[in-house]
């Protein structure tokens, strides 16, 4: 799954986004790039679950 996270602007933000997704699925593979603000996720979790956990973390995402 690919997401665009407008508020992910630095490495700290990317770590927070990654941590939020891993809290949902510890086996997820997450690639977060703050320069492009893109996040790629390989997970068993649904798109809706990922979007919800990112909203809770303060990083709302849109499908990319």
Protein backbone atom coordinates (compact mmCIF):
# COMPACT_ATOMS: atom_id res chain seq x y z
CA UNK A 1 0.00 0.00 0.00
CA UNK A 2 1.18 3.51 -0.70
CA UNK A 3 0.22 6.64 1.20
CA UNK A 4 0.92 10.36 0.98
CA UNK A 5 1.47 11.93 4.43
CA UNK A 6 1.49 15.71 4.00
CA UNK A 7 2.61 16.42 7.59
CA UNK A 8 5.64 14.08 7.47
CA UNK A 9 8.38 16.64 6.91
CA UNK A 10 11.47 15.28 8.71
CA UNK A 11 13.21 12.14 9.89
CA UNK A 12 11.50 12.38 13.28
CA UNK A 13 8.12 12.45 11.56
CA UNK A 14 9.08 9.42 9.48
CA UNK A 15 10.04 7.54 12.66
CA UNK A 16 6.72 8.46 14.28
CA UNK A 17 4.79 7.27 11.22
CA UNK A 18 6.79 4.04 11.12
CA UNK A 19 6.29 3.44 14.84
CA UNK A 20 2.55 4.02 14.57
CA UNK A 21 2.24 1.45 11.78
CA UNK A 22 4.45 -1.06 13.61
CA UNK A 23 2.27 -0.68 16.72
CA UNK A 24 -0.58 -2.01 14.59
CA UNK A 25 1.45 -4.77 12.89
CA UNK A 26 4.91 -5.51 14.30
CA UNK A 27 5.79 -7.54 11.18
CA UNK A 28 4.93 -4.74 8.74
CA UNK A 29 7.59 -3.49 6.33
CA UNK A 30 7.50 0.30 6.25
CA UNK A 31 9.42 2.68 4.00
CA UNK A 32 8.84 6.33 4.90
CA UNK A 33 10.44 9.13 2.86
CA UNK A 34 9.97 12.59 4.39
CA UNK A 35 11.35 14.31 1.27
CA UNK A 36 8.58 12.98 -0.98
CA UNK A 37 6.17 12.49 1.96
CA UNK A 38 5.43 8.99 0.67
CA UNK A 39 5.01 5.88 2.79
CA UNK A 40 5.00 2.33 1.43
CA UNK A 41 3.65 -0.41 3.67
CA UNK A 42 3.61 -4.19 3.36
CA UNK A 43 1.25 -5.43 6.07
CA UNK A 44 -1.60 -7.76 6.91
CA UNK A 45 -3.50 -4.74 8.28
CA UNK A 46 -6.14 -3.07 6.13
CA UNK A 47 -5.78 0.33 4.49
CA UNK A 48 -8.46 1.68 6.84
CA UNK A 49 -6.58 0.42 9.91
CA UNK A 50 -3.36 2.09 8.70
CA UNK A 51 -5.17 5.36 8.00
CA UNK A 52 -6.80 5.29 11.46
CA UNK A 53 -3.54 4.64 13.33
CA UNK A 54 -1.83 7.45 11.40
CA UNK A 55 -4.65 9.87 12.25
CA UNK A 56 -4.26 8.94 15.92
CA UNK A 57 -0.51 9.61 15.63
CA UNK A 58 -1.18 13.06 14.14
CA UNK A 59 -0.19 12.15 10.58
CA UNK A 60 -3.33 11.84 8.44
CA UNK A 61 -2.63 9.99 5.19
CA UNK A 62 -4.19 9.79 1.77
CA UNK A 63 -3.92 6.86 -0.60
CA UNK A 64 -1.13 7.49 -3.09
